[in-house]
Amino acid sequence: MSLSACVSLLITGFTVGPVGEAEALTWPWHHSTPHNVSNSAPTQGGRSIVIDPGHGGVDGGTSGGGLVEKQIALDIALRLRDHLARLGFKTPMTRMTDTDVSRLFPSALSSRHKRDLQNRLDLIRKTQAVGAISIHVNSSANARDRGPIVFYAVHSDAGKLLATDVQAAVNAVSGSTQRPLPRKNLFLIRHAPCPAILVEVGFVTNADDASRLARPAYRQHMADAIAVAAIRSLREAPIPPPYQKASARNDWTLVR
């Protein structure tokens, strides 16, 4: 049986994790904030960790072996949200359904892709989050590439600490030996006003990773590992001050 057929059998019945009644509501996209933003701003002693499932809607992300990045990312993100919420963190999400984020807030940017990224960043700012975790799925021309990889902003010491803790945790779950990697060109983690990481949870182009990611139990283990590691780094993190920006375009002029 071919590899693609094997993986297809493994993911029969794949569904995104359960969503609570409140989360199933449609966000009011135009000229307003999503229903979970106002409830996620920091309160006395409260801390928010923004969870960002990558891609969504028209943007499926990468795919392979019958797996689609936007679905895997959302499923793990919802599980991560539930774990952090049980431990007392506020957990605003950039999306909770299969949609992109380009209409989350009003924007003068003409590009859907830029609006999408800008709105993810602005949610982190508006909620004064102490940390941000973006969930993605990797792919490679080399089918032997495998394992989760955690990225952080190159000049962020706090981001590096968070990435190092999370990388060790997801390595333990996946049996891999990847190292966290610094990046200067990832828009969201570069501009975030708090420790921010992008977690590639595995390669859909690797047979072992794909078969694991197809299993709900593995996705739960992955979410739990990220949550436990993140708490170690973020439980005492300071809440950033309210952010005021002159223009969304300012963020994009910094991108090289």
Protein backbone atom coordinates (compact mmCIF):
# COMPACT_ATOMS: atom_id res chain seq x y z
CA MET A 1 0.00 0.00 0.00
CA SER A 2 1.31 3.46 -0.87
CA LEU A 3 2.36 5.94 1.79
CA SER A 4 -0.49 8.29 0.91
CA ALA A 5 -2.99 5.43 1.19
CA CYS A 6 -1.61 4.45 4.61
CA VAL A 7 -1.88 7.99 5.88
CA SER A 8 -5.38 8.30 4.44
CA LEU A 9 -6.42 5.25 6.43
CA LEU A 10 -4.90 6.71 9.58
CA ILE A 11 -6.88 9.94 9.29
CA THR A 12 -10.27 8.40 8.51
CA GLY A 13 -12.78 10.27 10.57
CA PHE A 14 -10.42 13.14 11.37
CA THR A 15 -12.30 16.06 12.88
CA VAL A 16 -11.30 19.25 14.59
CA GLY A 17 -11.57 19.04 18.37
CA PRO A 18 -14.82 19.92 20.14
CA VAL A 19 -15.73 23.57 20.44
CA GLY A 20 -17.85 24.88 23.29
CA GLU A 21 -21.22 26.51 22.68
CA ALA A 22 -19.86 30.01 23.22
CA GLU A 23 -16.94 29.45 20.89
CA ALA A 24 -19.24 28.23 18.12
CA LEU A 25 -20.72 31.71 17.77
CA THR A 26 -19.81 33.73 14.70
CA TRP A 27 -17.56 36.68 15.40
CA PRO A 28 -18.91 40.11 14.36
CA TRP A 29 -16.19 40.78 11.81
CA HIS A 30 -16.89 44.30 10.57
CA HIS A 31 -15.88 47.34 12.62
CA SER A 32 -15.96 45.56 15.95
CA THR A 33 -13.94 43.21 18.09
CA PRO A 34 -14.52 39.46 18.44
CA HIS A 35 -16.67 38.46 21.39
CA ASN A 36 -13.74 37.02 23.34
CA VAL A 37 -11.48 40.09 23.22
CA SER A 38 -13.19 42.23 25.85
CA ASN A 39 -13.31 39.30 28.24
CA SER A 40 -9.64 38.55 27.69
CA ALA A 41 -8.07 41.87 28.69
CA PRO A 42 -5.95 41.58 31.82
CA THR A 43 -7.75 41.94 35.15
CA GLN A 44 -6.36 42.12 38.69
CA GLY A 45 -3.58 39.50 38.63
CA GLY A 46 -4.89 38.03 35.35
CA ARG A 47 -2.67 37.11 32.43
CA SER A 48 -3.59 36.50 28.81
CA ILE A 49 -1.76 34.19 26.42
CA VAL A 50 -2.86 34.67 22.83
CA ILE A 51 -3.19 31.46 20.85
CA ASP A 52 -2.87 31.83 17.10
CA PRO A 53 -3.88 28.92 14.85
CA GLY A 54 -2.07 29.66 11.59
CA HIS A 55 -3.81 30.20 8.26
CA GLY A 56 -7.57 29.52 7.96
CA GLY A 57 -10.39 30.11 5.50
CA VAL A 58 -9.12 30.61 1.95
CA ASP A 59 -5.58 30.05 3.21
CA GLY A 60 -5.16 26.37 3.89
CA GLY A 61 -1.43 26.49 4.53
CA THR A 62 0.61 23.46 3.60
CA SER A 63 -0.84 20.00 3.06
CA GLY A 64 0.29 16.45 2.56
CA GLY A 65 -0.79 12.89 3.17
CA GLY A 66 -4.40 13.98 3.46
CA LEU A 67 -3.61 16.51 6.20
CA VAL A 68 -4.29 20.25 5.88
CA GLU A 69 -2.31 22.70 7.99
CA LYS A 70 -5.19 25.00 8.90
CA GLN A 71 -7.17 22.07 10.37
CA ILE A 72 -4.31 20.59 12.38
CA ALA A 73 -3.30 24.02 13.67
CA LEU A 74 -6.83 24.85 14.80
CA ASP A 75 -7.32 21.50 16.51
CA ILE A 76 -4.10 21.75 18.53
CA ALA A 77 -4.76 25.42 19.30
CA LEU A 78 -8.20 24.65 20.75
CA ARG A 79 -6.72 21.92 22.91
CA LEU A 80 -3.96 24.29 24.03
CA ARG A 81 -6.56 26.94 24.88
CA ASP A 82 -8.51 24.52 27.04
CA HIS A 83 -5.41 23.43 28.96
CA LEU A 84 -4.27 26.99 29.68
CA ALA A 85 -7.78 28.11 30.59
CA ARG A 86 -8.10 25.32 33.16
CA LEU A 87 -4.97 26.68 34.83
CA GLY A 88 -6.36 30.20 35.10
CA PHE A 89 -4.93 31.93 32.04
CA LYS A 90 -7.11 34.02 29.77
CA THR A 91 -6.81 32.60 26.27
CA PRO A 92 -7.93 34.90 23.45
CA MET A 93 -7.62 33.25 20.05
CA THR A 94 -7.06 34.85 16.67
CA ARG A 95 -9.58 32.41 15.20
CA MET A 96 -11.77 29.62 16.54
CA THR A 97 -13.28 28.43 13.26
CA ASP A 98 -12.11 27.84 9.69
CA THR A 99 -11.73 31.45 8.66
CA ASP A 100 -8.86 33.81 8.02
CA VAL A 101 -8.29 36.82 10.26
CA SER A 102 -8.22 39.56 7.60
CA ARG A 103 -11.52 41.09 8.80
CA LEU A 104 -11.00 40.78 12.55
CA PHE A 105 -10.37 44.54 12.90
CA PRO A 106 -10.84 47.44 10.46
CA SER A 107 -7.72 47.99 8.38
CA ALA A 108 -6.52 50.28 5.60
CA LEU A 109 -4.14 47.65 4.27
CA SER A 110 -5.10 46.51 0.77
CA SER A 111 -3.55 43.03 0.89
CA ARG A 112 -5.64 40.27 2.48
CA HIS A 113 -2.47 38.53 3.62
CA LYS A 114 -1.13 41.68 5.30
CA ARG A 115 -4.47 42.40 6.97
CA ASP A 116 -4.55 38.85 8.25
CA LEU A 117 -1.10 39.06 9.84
CA GLN A 118 -1.66 42.61 11.11
CA ASN A 119 -4.88 41.61 12.86
CA ARG A 120 -3.21 38.67 14.56
CA LEU A 121 -0.58 41.06 15.88
CA ASP A 122 -3.15 43.65 16.92
CA LEU A 123 -5.07 41.06 18.95
CA ILE A 124 -1.89 40.39 20.94
CA ARG A 125 -1.55 44.11 21.52
CA LYS A 126 -5.19 44.80 22.38
CA THR A 127 -5.30 42.02 24.98
CA GLN A 128 -1.97 43.06 26.54
CA ALA A 129 -0.92 39.43 26.37
CA VAL A 130 2.06 38.21 28.37
CA GLY A 131 2.83 35.68 25.65
CA ALA A 132 1.74 34.52 22.20
CA ILE A 133 1.88 31.05 20.69
CA SER A 134 1.31 30.59 16.96
CA ILE A 135 0.61 27.02 15.81
CA HIS A 136 1.64 25.85 12.34
CA VAL A 137 2.51 22.67 10.43
CA ASN A 138 5.69 22.24 8.42
CA SER A 139 6.57 20.69 5.05
CA SER A 140 9.80 19.97 3.22
CA ALA A 141 11.10 18.72 -0.09
CA ASN A 142 13.11 16.22 1.98
CA ALA A 143 10.74 13.57 3.32
CA ARG A 144 13.24 12.69 6.07
CA ASP A 145 12.84 16.09 7.75
CA ARG A 146 10.73 15.55 10.85
CA GLY A 147 9.88 16.83 14.29
CA PRO A 148 8.47 20.02 15.77
CA ILE A 149 10.50 23.22 15.43
CA VAL A 150 9.96 26.32 17.58
CA PHE A 151 10.87 29.76 16.20
CA TYR A 152 11.44 32.95 18.18
CA ALA A 153 12.42 36.54 17.37
CA VAL A 154 16.16 36.87 16.99
CA HIS A 155 16.67 39.65 19.54
CA SER A 156 14.13 38.48 22.12
CA ASP A 157 15.74 36.90 25.19
CA ALA A 158 12.33 36.18 26.71
CA GLY A 159 11.17 34.67 23.43
CA LYS A 160 14.26 32.47 23.31
CA LEU A 161 13.60 31.23 26.85
CA LEU A 162 9.99 30.42 25.99
CA ALA A 163 11.04 28.71 22.75
CA THR A 164 13.70 26.65 24.52
CA ASP A 165 11.23 25.38 27.13
CA VAL A 166 8.57 24.55 24.54
CA GLN A 167 11.09 22.91 22.17
CA ALA A 168 12.27 20.56 24.92
CA ALA A 169 8.67 19.64 25.74
CA VAL A 170 7.57 18.92 22.16
CA ASN A 171 10.80 16.99 21.49
CA ALA A 172 9.87 14.70 24.38
CA VAL A 173 6.45 14.08 22.85
CA SER A 174 7.70 13.53 19.29
CA GLY A 175 10.97 11.74 20.02
CA SER A 176 12.90 14.28 17.96
CA THR A 177 16.01 16.35 18.68
CA GLN A 178 15.22 19.66 17.00
CA ARG A 179 16.51 22.94 18.44
CA PRO A 180 14.66 26.25 18.72
CA LEU A 181 15.59 28.63 15.91
CA PRO A 182 15.82 32.44 15.88
CA ARG A 183 14.18 34.34 13.01
CA LYS A 184 14.09 38.01 12.09
CA ASN A 185 11.60 37.84 9.22
CA LEU A 186 8.51 36.31 10.87
CA PHE A 187 6.12 39.25 11.14
CA LEU A 188 4.04 38.17 14.13
CA ILE A 189 6.80 37.18 16.52
CA ARG A 190 9.05 40.04 15.37
CA HIS A 191 6.54 42.75 16.31
CA ALA A 192 4.81 41.15 19.29
CA PRO A 193 5.17 43.24 22.48
CA CYS A 194 5.62 40.09 24.56
CA PRO A 195 7.48 36.77 24.33
CA ALA A 196 6.13 35.13 21.18
CA ILE A 197 6.90 31.85 19.44
CA LEU A 198 5.82 30.05 16.30
CA VAL A 199 5.53 26.30 16.78
CA GLU A 200 5.74 24.08 13.70
CA VAL A 201 4.27 20.92 15.23
CA GLY A 202 5.67 18.53 12.63
CA PHE A 203 6.14 17.83 8.94
CA VAL A 204 3.17 16.61 6.89
CA THR A 205 5.74 15.47 4.32
CA ASN A 206 7.27 13.00 6.78
CA ALA A 207 5.43 9.68 7.14
CA ASP A 208 6.02 9.38 10.89
CA ASP A 209 5.03 12.96 11.69
CA ALA A 210 1.96 12.77 9.45
CA SER A 211 0.72 9.54 11.01
CA ARG A 212 1.13 11.01 14.50
CA LEU A 213 -0.54 14.31 13.67
CA ALA A 214 -3.50 12.40 12.27
CA ARG A 215 -4.23 10.97 15.72
CA PRO A 216 -6.30 13.04 18.19
CA ALA A 217 -4.44 11.57 21.16
CA TYR A 218 -1.10 12.76 19.76
CA ARG A 219 -2.46 16.23 19.07
CA GLN A 220 -3.63 16.35 22.68
CA HIS A 221 -0.19 15.34 23.94
CA MET A 222 1.35 18.04 21.77
CA ALA A 223 -1.02 20.71 23.09
CA ASP A 224 -0.45 19.63 26.70
CA ALA A 225 3.33 19.73 26.29
CA ILE A 226 3.22 23.25 24.83
CA ALA A 227 0.92 24.42 27.64
CA VAL A 228 3.02 23.05 30.50
CA ALA A 229 6.24 24.46 29.06
CA ALA A 230 4.70 27.85 28.32
CA ILE A 231 3.41 28.21 31.87
CA ARG A 232 6.93 27.80 33.25
CA SER A 233 8.09 30.79 31.21
CA LEU A 234 5.02 33.01 31.35
CA ARG A 235 3.42 32.60 34.78
CA GLU A 236 5.37 35.57 36.17
CA ALA A 237 5.70 37.53 32.94
CA PRO A 238 4.80 41.23 33.23
CA ILE A 239 1.67 42.50 31.52
CA PRO A 240 2.68 44.92 28.72
CA PRO A 241 1.33 48.49 28.92
CA PRO A 242 -1.58 49.48 26.65
CA TYR A 243 -0.32 49.83 23.10
CA GLN A 244 -1.09 52.74 20.80
CA LYS A 245 0.07 52.71 17.20
CA ALA A 246 -0.07 55.49 14.65
CA SER A 247 -0.73 53.32 11.62
CA ALA A 248 -0.84 49.68 10.65
CA ARG A 249 1.45 50.56 7.77
CA ASN A 250 4.21 51.47 10.20
CA ASP A 251 4.64 47.81 11.10
CA TRP A 252 5.09 46.88 7.46
CA THR A 253 7.71 49.54 6.73
CA LEU A 254 9.94 47.73 9.22
CA VAL A 255 9.78 44.46 7.32
CA ARG A 256 12.87 43.75 5.23
